[in-house]
Amino acid sequence: MRHGVVLLPEHEWKAAAERWRTAEQLGYHHAWTYDHLMWRWFADRRWYGSVPTLTAAAVVTDRIGLGMLVATPNFRHPVVLAKDLASVDDIAEGRLICGLGSGAPGHDGGVLGGPALGPGERADRFAAFVELLDAVLVDGDVDRTTPWYAAHGVTFHPRAGYGPRPPFAVAAAGPRGMALTARFGQYWITSGPPNDFRTRSLREALPGLREQLRGVDAACERAGRDPATLRRLLVADAAVGGITASLSAYEDAAGELEAAGFTDLVVHWPRPDQPYQGDEQVLFDFAAEHLAGGPCA
């Protein structure tokens, strides 16, 4: 199993840089930051942008994977996002992982004045978003109009023809999102029940997580894809809590999740206050026992 950590973009860079470097030194395989204009719990606090943060993180690290968690159509256009991704990935020398999600209702969904969308409309928009983003990054030359996006005379460089695009990590809890994951994803992301922040224990959450795993396997099979080619990543600490409460809890959770079929576990760097309050020493202890000196990818 690979292990990752989420670093909230809340600190000035002098402080944040040390944490990104530390995550790499501890042996974590990937480190992530959130892609929001404003976060639900930090409306009155400092909050930095994901693209500049990941660019800076690429400069101060050498090996660790760098993840965006997750870009959505709420305020991103696929053509503009493609240019940002290719630029960050070049600086990171191929270490970027692009998390993608449909975009929940909230500040990010309305700050630019767009209409409120129902679940079906968000699913339609997300499909168009992922399809166009993939086309720009892979094909380079794109000219298409959909009900959601226009991309006229796009000639995209440097990514097209240069090498594989950055891997997509698609957040999906339902059949349409899982179908997109099977078509385009190198990772599938879940945090448990979608948009449900009533924290429960891993034991309580496992039946639902196993059901989601069966769903994404079935989506791969319908798409003619070997399910084993898709990595399965749990982002813990929101709907599924208690994993970093102690070293033994972390170890037990990693073992249970791997046995269930997950390939990657991502936890949040513990903070002194909520959300994600905890003792960061647990990360250091887990890394010393299980990650130190291990490969980063």
C-alpha atoms as a PDB file:
ATOM      1  CA  MET A   1       0.000   0.000   0.000  1.00  0.00           C
ATOM      2  CA  ARG A   2       1.097   3.554  -0.747  1.00  0.00           C
ATOM      3  CA  HIS A   3       0.575   6.316   1.787  1.00  0.00           C
ATOM      4  CA  GLY A   4      -0.105  10.012   1.385  1.00  0.00           C
ATOM      5  CA  VAL A   5      -0.819  13.110   3.404  1.00  0.00           C
ATOM      6  CA  VAL A   6      -2.972  16.210   2.812  1.00  0.00           C
ATOM      7  CA  LEU A   7      -1.368  19.567   3.599  1.00  0.00           C
ATOM      8  CA  LEU A   8      -3.975  22.304   3.864  1.00  0.00           C
ATOM      9  CA  PRO A   9      -2.855  25.456   1.987  1.00  0.00           C
ATOM     10  CA  GLU A  10      -3.199  27.563   5.114  1.00  0.00           C
ATOM     11  CA  HIS A  11       0.388  28.565   5.934  1.00  0.00           C
ATOM     12  CA  GLU A  12       2.681  31.194   4.489  1.00  0.00           C
ATOM     13  CA  TRP A  13       5.166  29.497   2.217  1.00  0.00           C
ATOM     14  CA  LYS A  14       8.189  29.744   4.527  1.00  0.00           C
ATOM     15  CA  ALA A  15       6.348  27.498   6.972  1.00  0.00           C
ATOM     16  CA  ALA A  16       4.552  25.396   4.371  1.00  0.00           C
ATOM     17  CA  ALA A  17       7.762  24.564   2.497  1.00  0.00           C
ATOM     18  CA  GLU A  18       9.201  22.833   5.558  1.00  0.00           C
ATOM     19  CA  ARG A  19       6.123  20.630   5.831  1.00  0.00           C
ATOM     20  CA  TRP A  20       6.239  19.562   2.169  1.00  0.00           C
ATOM     21  CA  ARG A  21       9.931  18.725   2.533  1.00  0.00           C
ATOM     22  CA  THR A  22       9.229  16.813   5.728  1.00  0.00           C
ATOM     23  CA  ALA A  23       6.502  14.745   4.064  1.00  0.00           C
ATOM     24  CA  GLU A  24       9.051  13.649   1.473  1.00  0.00           C
ATOM     25  CA  GLN A  25      11.764  12.986   4.039  1.00  0.00           C
ATOM     26  CA  LEU A  26       9.382  10.815   6.057  1.00  0.00           C
ATOM     27  CA  GLY A  27       8.883   8.620   3.001  1.00  0.00           C
ATOM     28  CA  TYR A  28       5.262   9.430   2.143  1.00  0.00           C
ATOM     29  CA  HIS A  29       4.551   8.421  -1.438  1.00  0.00           C
ATOM     30  CA  HIS A  30       2.378  11.420  -2.255  1.00  0.00           C
ATOM     31  CA  ALA A  31       1.313  14.719  -0.684  1.00  0.00           C
ATOM     32  CA  TRP A  32      -1.854  16.589  -1.626  1.00  0.00           C
ATOM     33  CA  THR A  33      -3.449  19.987  -1.231  1.00  0.00           C
ATOM     34  CA  TYR A  34      -7.029  21.134  -1.718  1.00  0.00           C
ATOM     35  CA  ASP A  35      -8.187  23.033  -4.784  1.00  0.00           C
ATOM     36  CA  HIS A  36     -10.779  25.519  -3.531  1.00  0.00           C
ATOM     37  CA  LEU A  37     -11.332  29.253  -3.710  1.00  0.00           C
ATOM     38  CA  MET A  38     -12.657  29.119  -0.165  1.00  0.00           C
ATOM     39  CA  TRP A  39     -12.938  26.097   2.100  1.00  0.00           C
ATOM     40  CA  ARG A  40     -16.050  25.310   4.087  1.00  0.00           C
ATOM     41  CA  TRP A  41     -14.350  25.559   7.515  1.00  0.00           C
ATOM     42  CA  PHE A  42     -11.837  28.291   6.723  1.00  0.00           C
ATOM     43  CA  ALA A  43     -14.021  31.067   5.361  1.00  0.00           C
ATOM     44  CA  ASP A  44     -12.427  33.544   7.755  1.00  0.00           C
ATOM     45  CA  ARG A  45      -8.851  32.259   7.551  1.00  0.00           C
ATOM     46  CA  ARG A  46      -5.826  32.409   5.271  1.00  0.00           C
ATOM     47  CA  TRP A  47      -6.161  30.061   2.280  1.00  0.00           C
ATOM     48  CA  TYR A  48      -3.769  29.834  -0.669  1.00  0.00           C
ATOM     49  CA  GLY A  49      -4.195  28.592  -4.242  1.00  0.00           C
ATOM     50  CA  SER A  50      -3.402  25.009  -5.175  1.00  0.00           C
ATOM     51  CA  VAL A  51      -1.531  25.606  -8.445  1.00  0.00           C
ATOM     52  CA  PRO A  52       1.058  28.035  -6.994  1.00  0.00           C
ATOM     53  CA  THR A  53       1.370  25.809  -3.915  1.00  0.00           C
ATOM     54  CA  LEU A  54       2.042  22.675  -5.959  1.00  0.00           C
ATOM     55  CA  THR A  55       4.473  24.586  -8.179  1.00  0.00           C
ATOM     56  CA  ALA A  56       6.434  25.715  -5.128  1.00  0.00           C
ATOM     57  CA  ALA A  57       6.260  22.214  -3.637  1.00  0.00           C
ATOM     58  CA  ALA A  58       7.714  20.814  -6.869  1.00  0.00           C
ATOM     59  CA  VAL A  59      10.739  23.073  -6.444  1.00  0.00           C
ATOM     60  CA  VAL A  60      11.469  22.144  -2.821  1.00  0.00           C
ATOM     61  CA  THR A  61      10.999  18.362  -3.247  1.00  0.00           C
ATOM     62  CA  ASP A  62      12.534  15.751  -5.541  1.00  0.00           C
ATOM     63  CA  ARG A  63      10.655  12.449  -5.320  1.00  0.00           C
ATOM     64  CA  ILE A  64       7.267  12.671  -3.663  1.00  0.00           C
ATOM     65  CA  GLY A  65       4.117  12.627  -5.791  1.00  0.00           C
ATOM     66  CA  LEU A  66       2.236  15.949  -5.749  1.00  0.00           C
ATOM     67  CA  GLY A  67      -1.554  15.823  -5.805  1.00  0.00           C
ATOM     68  CA  MET A  68      -4.363  18.287  -6.453  1.00  0.00           C
ATOM     69  CA  LEU A  69      -7.427  17.290  -4.394  1.00  0.00           C
ATOM     70  CA  VAL A  70      -9.612  17.878  -6.389  1.00  0.00           C
ATOM     71  CA  ALA A  71     -10.033  20.202  -9.396  1.00  0.00           C
ATOM     72  CA  THR A  72     -13.695  20.689 -10.320  1.00  0.00           C
ATOM     73  CA  PRO A  73     -15.801  22.451 -12.946  1.00  0.00           C
ATOM     74  CA  ASN A  74     -17.076  24.815 -10.254  1.00  0.00           C
ATOM     75  CA  PHE A  75     -14.453  27.398 -11.211  1.00  0.00           C
ATOM     76  CA  ARG A  76     -12.071  25.656 -13.622  1.00  0.00           C
ATOM     77  CA  HIS A  77     -12.175  25.481 -17.437  1.00  0.00           C
ATOM     78  CA  PRO A  78     -10.539  22.347 -18.890  1.00  0.00           C
ATOM     79  CA  VAL A  79      -8.353  24.205 -21.413  1.00  0.00           C
ATOM     80  CA  VAL A  80      -6.941  26.605 -18.805  1.00  0.00           C
ATOM     81  CA  LEU A  81      -6.543  23.793 -16.280  1.00  0.00           C
ATOM     82  CA  ALA A  82      -4.668  21.699 -18.865  1.00  0.00           C
ATOM     83  CA  LYS A  83      -2.089  24.459 -19.317  1.00  0.00           C
ATOM     84  CA  ASP A  84      -1.600  24.751 -15.554  1.00  0.00           C
ATOM     85  CA  LEU A  85      -1.263  20.991 -15.142  1.00  0.00           C
ATOM     86  CA  ALA A  86       1.297  20.665 -17.921  1.00  0.00           C
ATOM     87  CA  SER A  87       3.327  23.521 -16.453  1.00  0.00           C
ATOM     88  CA  VAL A  88       3.340  22.162 -12.897  1.00  0.00           C
ATOM     89  CA  ASP A  89       4.079  18.640 -14.128  1.00  0.00           C
ATOM     90  CA  ASP A  90       7.054  19.908 -16.112  1.00  0.00           C
ATOM     91  CA  ILE A  91       8.478  21.641 -13.046  1.00  0.00           C
ATOM     92  CA  ALA A  92       7.782  18.509 -10.962  1.00  0.00           C
ATOM     93  CA  GLU A  93       9.396  16.278 -13.618  1.00  0.00           C
ATOM     94  CA  GLY A  94       6.334  14.072 -13.961  1.00  0.00           C
ATOM     95  CA  ARG A  95       5.285  13.834 -10.304  1.00  0.00           C
ATOM     96  CA  LEU A  96       1.894  15.577 -10.533  1.00  0.00           C
ATOM     97  CA  ILE A  97      -1.347  13.676  -9.845  1.00  0.00           C
ATOM     98  CA  CYS A  98      -4.488  15.545 -10.907  1.00  0.00           C
ATOM     99  CA  GLY A  99      -7.470  14.838  -8.692  1.00  0.00           C
ATOM    100  CA  LEU A 100     -10.807  15.560 -10.383  1.00  0.00           C
ATOM    101  CA  GLY A 101     -14.302  15.870  -8.920  1.00  0.00           C
ATOM    102  CA  SER A 102     -17.754  16.957 -10.044  1.00  0.00           C
ATOM    103  CA  GLY A 103     -17.908  19.934  -7.666  1.00  0.00           C
ATOM    104  CA  ALA A 104     -20.270  20.030  -4.706  1.00  0.00           C
ATOM    105  CA  PRO A 105     -22.704  22.910  -4.159  1.00  0.00           C
ATOM    106  CA  GLY A 106     -21.263  25.719  -2.073  1.00  0.00           C
ATOM    107  CA  HIS A 107     -19.100  28.813  -2.329  1.00  0.00           C
ATOM    108  CA  ASP A 108     -16.921  27.528  -5.179  1.00  0.00           C
ATOM    109  CA  GLY A 109     -20.034  26.663  -7.160  1.00  0.00           C
ATOM    110  CA  GLY A 110     -21.626  30.096  -6.941  1.00  0.00           C
ATOM    111  CA  VAL A 111     -18.833  32.624  -6.484  1.00  0.00           C
ATOM    112  CA  LEU A 112     -18.512  33.235 -10.235  1.00  0.00           C
ATOM    113  CA  GLY A 113     -22.248  33.662 -10.672  1.00  0.00           C
ATOM    114  CA  GLY A 114     -23.118  30.353 -12.280  1.00  0.00           C
ATOM    115  CA  PRO A 115     -26.557  28.795 -11.851  1.00  0.00           C
ATOM    116  CA  ALA A 116     -27.299  26.297  -9.112  1.00  0.00           C
ATOM    117  CA  LEU A 117     -27.095  22.797 -10.596  1.00  0.00           C
ATOM    118  CA  GLY A 118     -28.828  19.601  -9.596  1.00  0.00           C
ATOM    119  CA  PRO A 119     -26.994  16.275  -9.261  1.00  0.00           C
ATOM    120  CA  GLY A 120     -27.755  15.191 -12.833  1.00  0.00           C
ATOM    121  CA  GLU A 121     -26.545  18.475 -14.284  1.00  0.00           C
ATOM    122  CA  ARG A 122     -23.342  18.314 -12.237  1.00  0.00           C
ATOM    123  CA  ALA A 123     -22.748  14.786 -13.523  1.00  0.00           C
ATOM    124  CA  ASP A 124     -23.276  15.930 -17.130  1.00  0.00           C
ATOM    125  CA  ARG A 125     -20.910  18.858 -16.651  1.00  0.00           C
ATOM    126  CA  PHE A 126     -18.288  16.651 -15.005  1.00  0.00           C
ATOM    127  CA  ALA A 127     -18.316  14.196 -17.901  1.00  0.00           C
ATOM    128  CA  ALA A 128     -17.794  17.050 -20.372  1.00  0.00           C
ATOM    129  CA  PHE A 129     -15.055  18.480 -18.141  1.00  0.00           C
ATOM    130  CA  VAL A 130     -13.041  15.261 -17.908  1.00  0.00           C
ATOM    131  CA  GLU A 131     -13.486  14.390 -21.585  1.00  0.00           C
ATOM    132  CA  LEU A 132     -12.297  17.803 -22.766  1.00  0.00           C
ATOM    133  CA  LEU A 133      -9.403  17.932 -20.289  1.00  0.00           C
ATOM    134  CA  ASP A 134      -8.214  14.532 -21.479  1.00  0.00           C
ATOM    135  CA  ALA A 135      -8.579  15.519 -25.147  1.00  0.00           C
ATOM    136  CA  VAL A 136      -6.511  18.681 -24.702  1.00  0.00           C
ATOM    137  CA  LEU A 137      -3.744  16.929 -22.772  1.00  0.00           C
ATOM    138  CA  VAL A 138      -3.584  13.870 -25.026  1.00  0.00           C
ATOM    139  CA  ASP A 139      -4.524  15.105 -28.516  1.00  0.00           C
ATOM    140  CA  GLY A 140      -3.352  18.710 -28.322  1.00  0.00           C
ATOM    141  CA  ASP A 141      -5.442  19.976 -31.246  1.00  0.00           C
ATOM    142  CA  VAL A 142      -9.070  20.394 -30.183  1.00  0.00           C
ATOM    143  CA  ASP A 143     -12.028  22.177 -31.700  1.00  0.00           C
ATOM    144  CA  ARG A 144     -15.327  21.295 -30.111  1.00  0.00           C
ATOM    145  CA  THR A 145     -18.428  22.806 -28.570  1.00  0.00           C
ATOM    146  CA  THR A 146     -20.574  21.094 -25.954  1.00  0.00           C
ATOM    147  CA  PRO A 147     -23.493  22.363 -23.891  1.00  0.00           C
ATOM    148  CA  TRP A 148     -20.952  23.046 -21.144  1.00  0.00           C
ATOM    149  CA  TYR A 149     -17.696  24.099 -22.819  1.00  0.00           C
ATOM    150  CA  ALA A 150     -16.284  25.610 -25.972  1.00  0.00           C
ATOM    151  CA  ALA A 151     -12.712  25.027 -27.110  1.00  0.00           C
ATOM    152  CA  HIS A 152     -12.091  26.674 -30.472  1.00  0.00           C
ATOM    153  CA  GLY A 153      -8.863  26.118 -32.368  1.00  0.00           C
ATOM    154  CA  VAL A 154      -6.931  24.834 -29.382  1.00  0.00           C
ATOM    155  CA  THR A 155      -3.370  23.855 -30.242  1.00  0.00           C
ATOM    156  CA  PHE A 156      -1.878  22.702 -26.982  1.00  0.00           C
ATOM    157  CA  HIS A 157       1.808  22.425 -26.222  1.00  0.00           C
ATOM    158  CA  PRO A 158       4.049  21.216 -24.623  1.00  0.00           C
ATOM    159  CA  ARG A 159       2.232  18.158 -23.271  1.00  0.00           C
ATOM    160  CA  ALA A 160       0.626  16.719 -26.413  1.00  0.00           C
ATOM    161  CA  GLY A 161       3.014  14.281 -28.064  1.00  0.00           C
ATOM    162  CA  TYR A 162       5.628  14.853 -25.342  1.00  0.00           C
ATOM    163  CA  GLY A 163       4.688  11.945 -23.122  1.00  0.00           C
ATOM    164  CA  PRO A 164       1.846  10.576 -21.030  1.00  0.00           C
ATOM    165  CA  ARG A 165      -0.442  13.124 -19.446  1.00  0.00           C
ATOM    166  CA  PRO A 166      -0.462  13.507 -15.658  1.00  0.00           C
ATOM    167  CA  PRO A 167      -2.477  10.714 -14.057  1.00  0.00           C
ATOM    168  CA  PHE A 168      -6.098  11.506 -13.241  1.00  0.00           C
ATOM    169  CA  ALA A 169      -7.417  10.602  -9.785  1.00  0.00           C
ATOM    170  CA  VAL A 170     -11.190  10.704 -10.177  1.00  0.00           C
ATOM    171  CA  ALA A 171     -13.395  11.178  -7.119  1.00  0.00           C
ATOM    172  CA  ALA A 172     -16.595   9.199  -7.631  1.00  0.00           C
ATOM    173  CA  ALA A 173     -19.276   7.661  -5.449  1.00  0.00           C
ATOM    174  CA  GLY A 174     -21.979   6.882  -8.008  1.00  0.00           C
ATOM    175  CA  PRO A 175     -22.229   4.877 -11.225  1.00  0.00           C
ATOM    176  CA  ARG A 176     -21.709   7.776 -13.645  1.00  0.00           C
ATOM    177  CA  GLY A 177     -18.596   9.000 -11.884  1.00  0.00           C
ATOM    178  CA  MET A 178     -17.266   5.469 -11.625  1.00  0.00           C
ATOM    179  CA  ALA A 179     -17.810   5.006 -15.367  1.00  0.00           C
ATOM    180  CA  LEU A 180     -15.676   8.121 -15.957  1.00  0.00           C
ATOM    181  CA  THR A 181     -13.068   6.709 -13.601  1.00  0.00           C
ATOM    182  CA  ALA A 182     -12.921   3.485 -15.585  1.00  0.00           C
ATOM    183  CA  ARG A 183     -12.451   5.411 -18.835  1.00  0.00           C
ATOM    184  CA  PHE A 184      -9.966   8.049 -17.744  1.00  0.00           C
ATOM    185  CA  GLY A 185      -8.634   7.427 -14.233  1.00  0.00           C
ATOM    186  CA  GLN A 186      -5.380   6.022 -13.026  1.00  0.00           C
ATOM    187  CA  TYR A 187      -6.698   6.410  -9.462  1.00  0.00           C
ATOM    188  CA  TRP A 188     -10.193   6.242  -8.002  1.00  0.00           C
ATOM    189  CA  ILE A 189     -10.774   8.466  -4.956  1.00  0.00           C
ATOM    190  CA  THR A 190     -13.334   8.101  -2.196  1.00  0.00           C
ATOM    191  CA  SER A 191     -13.682   9.691   1.220  1.00  0.00           C
ATOM    192  CA  GLY A 192     -16.589   7.452   2.170  1.00  0.00           C
ATOM    193  CA  PRO A 193     -20.203   8.595   1.880  1.00  0.00           C
ATOM    194  CA  PRO A 194     -20.263  11.566  -0.549  1.00  0.00           C
ATOM    195  CA  ASN A 195     -20.501  15.028   1.042  1.00  0.00           C
ATOM    196  CA  ASP A 196     -21.203  13.455   4.425  1.00  0.00           C
ATOM    197  CA  PHE A 197     -19.037  14.832   7.208  1.00  0.00           C
ATOM    198  CA  ARG A 198     -20.520  12.928  10.101  1.00  0.00           C
ATOM    199  CA  THR A 199     -17.315  11.225  11.135  1.00  0.00           C
ATOM    200  CA  ARG A 200     -17.563   7.492  11.759  1.00  0.00           C
ATOM    201  CA  SER A 201     -15.033   4.816  12.589  1.00  0.00           C
ATOM    202  CA  LEU A 202     -13.404   2.742   9.898  1.00  0.00           C
ATOM    203  CA  ARG A 203     -15.262  -0.309  11.182  1.00  0.00           C
ATOM    204  CA  GLU A 204     -18.574   1.491  10.655  1.00  0.00           C
ATOM    205  CA  ALA A 205     -17.498   2.758   7.245  1.00  0.00           C
ATOM    206  CA  LEU A 206     -16.059  -0.478   5.817  1.00  0.00           C
ATOM    207  CA  PRO A 207     -19.338  -1.996   4.553  1.00  0.00           C
ATOM    208  CA  GLY A 208     -20.055   1.123   2.483  1.00  0.00           C
ATOM    209  CA  LEU A 209     -16.458   1.310   1.271  1.00  0.00           C
ATOM    210  CA  ARG A 210     -16.574  -2.327   0.158  1.00  0.00           C
ATOM    211  CA  GLU A 211     -19.779  -1.611  -1.743  1.00  0.00           C
ATOM    212  CA  GLN A 212     -18.067   1.301  -3.497  1.00  0.00           C
ATOM    213  CA  LEU A 213     -15.118  -0.942  -4.371  1.00  0.00           C
ATOM    214  CA  ARG A 214     -17.491  -3.448  -5.955  1.00  0.00           C
ATOM    215  CA  GLY A 215     -19.078  -0.613  -7.903  1.00  0.00           C
ATOM    216  CA  VAL A 216     -15.808   0.656  -9.336  1.00  0.00           C
ATOM    217  CA  ASP A 217     -14.754  -2.920 -10.207  1.00  0.00           C
ATOM    218  CA  ALA A 218     -18.016  -3.368 -12.093  1.00  0.00           C
ATOM    219  CA  ALA A 219     -17.499  -0.051 -13.911  1.00  0.00           C
ATOM    220  CA  CYS A 220     -14.072  -1.218 -15.064  1.00  0.00           C
ATOM    221  CA  GLU A 221     -15.467  -4.520 -16.272  1.00  0.00           C
ATOM    222  CA  ARG A 222     -18.230  -2.771 -18.229  1.00  0.00           C
ATOM    223  CA  ALA A 223     -15.582  -0.568 -19.839  1.00  0.00           C
ATOM    224  CA  GLY A 224     -13.488  -3.605 -20.788  1.00  0.00           C
ATOM    225  CA  ARG A 225     -10.736  -2.633 -18.361  1.00  0.00           C
ATOM    226  CA  ASP A 226      -8.886  -4.858 -15.927  1.00  0.00           C
ATOM    227  CA  PRO A 227      -9.904  -3.540 -12.476  1.00  0.00           C
ATOM    228  CA  ALA A 228      -6.410  -4.322 -11.199  1.00  0.00           C
ATOM    229  CA  THR A 229      -5.021  -1.485 -13.356  1.00  0.00           C
ATOM    230  CA  LEU A 230      -6.855   1.124 -11.238  1.00  0.00           C
ATOM    231  CA  ARG A 231      -5.443   2.340  -7.931  1.00  0.00           C
ATOM    232  CA  ARG A 232      -8.027   2.844  -5.157  1.00  0.00           C
ATOM    233  CA  LEU A 233      -7.413   5.722  -2.751  1.00  0.00           C
ATOM    234  CA  LEU A 234      -9.202   6.579   0.480  1.00  0.00           C
ATOM    235  CA  VAL A 235      -8.971  10.135   1.794  1.00  0.00           C
ATOM    236  CA  ALA A 236      -9.505   9.687   5.520  1.00  0.00           C
ATOM    237  CA  ASP A 237     -10.384  11.920   8.464  1.00  0.00           C
ATOM    238  CA  ALA A 238     -13.612  13.543   7.230  1.00  0.00           C
ATOM    239  CA  ALA A 239     -16.318  10.881   6.891  1.00  0.00           C
ATOM    240  CA  VAL A 240     -13.925   8.147   8.073  1.00  0.00           C
ATOM    241  CA  GLY A 241     -12.131   9.188  11.249  1.00  0.00           C
ATOM    242  CA  GLY A 242      -9.873   7.898  13.988  1.00  0.00           C
ATOM    243  CA  ILE A 243      -7.174   6.496  11.717  1.00  0.00           C
ATOM    244  CA  THR A 244      -4.382   8.722  13.050  1.00  0.00           C
ATOM    245  CA  ALA A 245      -5.590   8.652  16.651  1.00  0.00           C
ATOM    246  CA  SER A 246      -2.574   6.475  17.501  1.00  0.00           C
ATOM    247  CA  LEU A 247       0.162   4.509  15.794  1.00  0.00           C
ATOM    248  CA  SER A 248      -1.676   1.240  16.359  1.00  0.00           C
ATOM    249  CA  ALA A 249      -4.924   2.680  14.941  1.00  0.00           C
ATOM    250  CA  TYR A 250      -3.045   3.865  11.852  1.00  0.00           C
ATOM    251  CA  GLU A 251      -1.375   0.472  11.397  1.00  0.00           C
ATOM    252  CA  ASP A 252      -4.618  -1.440  11.898  1.00  0.00           C
ATOM    253  CA  ALA A 253      -6.489   0.803   9.456  1.00  0.00           C
ATOM    254  CA  ALA A 254      -3.814   0.415   6.789  1.00  0.00           C
ATOM    255  CA  GLY A 255      -4.005  -3.364   7.116  1.00  0.00           C
ATOM    256  CA  GLU A 256      -7.812  -3.484   7.001  1.00  0.00           C
ATOM    257  CA  LEU A 257      -8.023  -1.151   4.010  1.00  0.00           C
ATOM    258  CA  GLU A 258      -5.390  -3.064   2.077  1.00  0.00           C
ATOM    259  CA  ALA A 259      -7.227  -6.314   2.773  1.00  0.00           C
ATOM    260  CA  ALA A 260     -10.439  -4.702   1.516  1.00  0.00           C
ATOM    261  CA  GLY A 261      -8.792  -3.760  -1.778  1.00  0.00           C
ATOM    262  CA  PHE A 262      -7.484  -0.220  -1.317  1.00  0.00           C
ATOM    263  CA  THR A 263      -4.045   0.558  -2.744  1.00  0.00           C
ATOM    264  CA  ASP A 264      -3.529   4.041  -1.251  1.00  0.00           C
ATOM    265  CA  LEU A 265      -4.384   5.652   2.089  1.00  0.00           C
ATOM    266  CA  VAL A 266      -4.233   9.446   2.470  1.00  0.00           C
ATOM    267  CA  VAL A 267      -4.553  11.130   5.856  1.00  0.00           C
ATOM    268  CA  HIS A 268      -4.507  14.791   6.821  1.00  0.00           C
ATOM    269  CA  TRP A 269      -1.508  16.253   8.586  1.00  0.00           C
ATOM    270  CA  PRO A 270      -2.824  16.599  12.148  1.00  0.00           C
ATOM    271  CA  ARG A 271      -3.555  20.163  13.213  1.00  0.00           C
ATOM    272  CA  PRO A 272      -3.656  21.821  16.666  1.00  0.00           C
ATOM    273  CA  ASP A 273      -7.365  22.598  16.290  1.00  0.00           C
ATOM    274  CA  GLN A 274     -10.336  21.326  14.316  1.00  0.00           C
ATOM    275  CA  PRO A 275     -10.702  20.179  11.636  1.00  0.00           C
ATOM    276  CA  TYR A 276      -8.246  17.268  11.702  1.00  0.00           C
ATOM    277  CA  GLN A 277      -7.086  17.943  15.217  1.00  0.00           C
ATOM    278  CA  GLY A 278      -4.452  15.490  16.381  1.00  0.00           C
ATOM    279  CA  ASP A 279      -0.857  14.731  17.215  1.00  0.00           C
ATOM    280  CA  GLU A 280       1.536  14.946  14.272  1.00  0.00           C
ATOM    281  CA  GLN A 281       3.908  12.618  16.132  1.00  0.00           C
ATOM    282  CA  VAL A 282       1.673   9.764  14.937  1.00  0.00           C
ATOM    283  CA  LEU A 283       2.718  10.541  11.346  1.00  0.00           C
ATOM    284  CA  PHE A 284       6.375  10.534  12.350  1.00  0.00           C
ATOM    285  CA  ASP A 285       6.023   7.247  14.233  1.00  0.00           C
ATOM    286  CA  PHE A 286       4.161   5.550  11.377  1.00  0.00           C
ATOM    287  CA  ALA A 287       6.756   6.748   8.892  1.00  0.00           C
ATOM    288  CA  ALA A 288       9.613   5.509  11.074  1.00  0.00           C
ATOM    289  CA  GLU A 289       8.047   2.066  11.301  1.00  0.00           C
ATOM    290  CA  HIS A 290       6.730   1.676   7.755  1.00  0.00           C
ATOM    291  CA  LEU A 291       7.933   4.354   5.352  1.00  0.00           C
ATOM    292  CA  ALA A 292      11.405   5.658   6.187  1.00  0.00           C
ATOM    293  CA  GLY A 293      13.717   5.058   3.301  1.00  0.00           C
ATOM    294  CA  GLY A 294      10.901   3.641   1.165  1.00  0.00           C
ATOM    295  CA  PRO A 295      10.383   4.603  -2.486  1.00  0.00           C
ATOM    296  CA  CYS A 296       8.377   7.663  -3.406  1.00  0.00           C
ATOM    297  CA  ALA A 297       6.251   7.610  -6.569  1.00  0.00           C
END
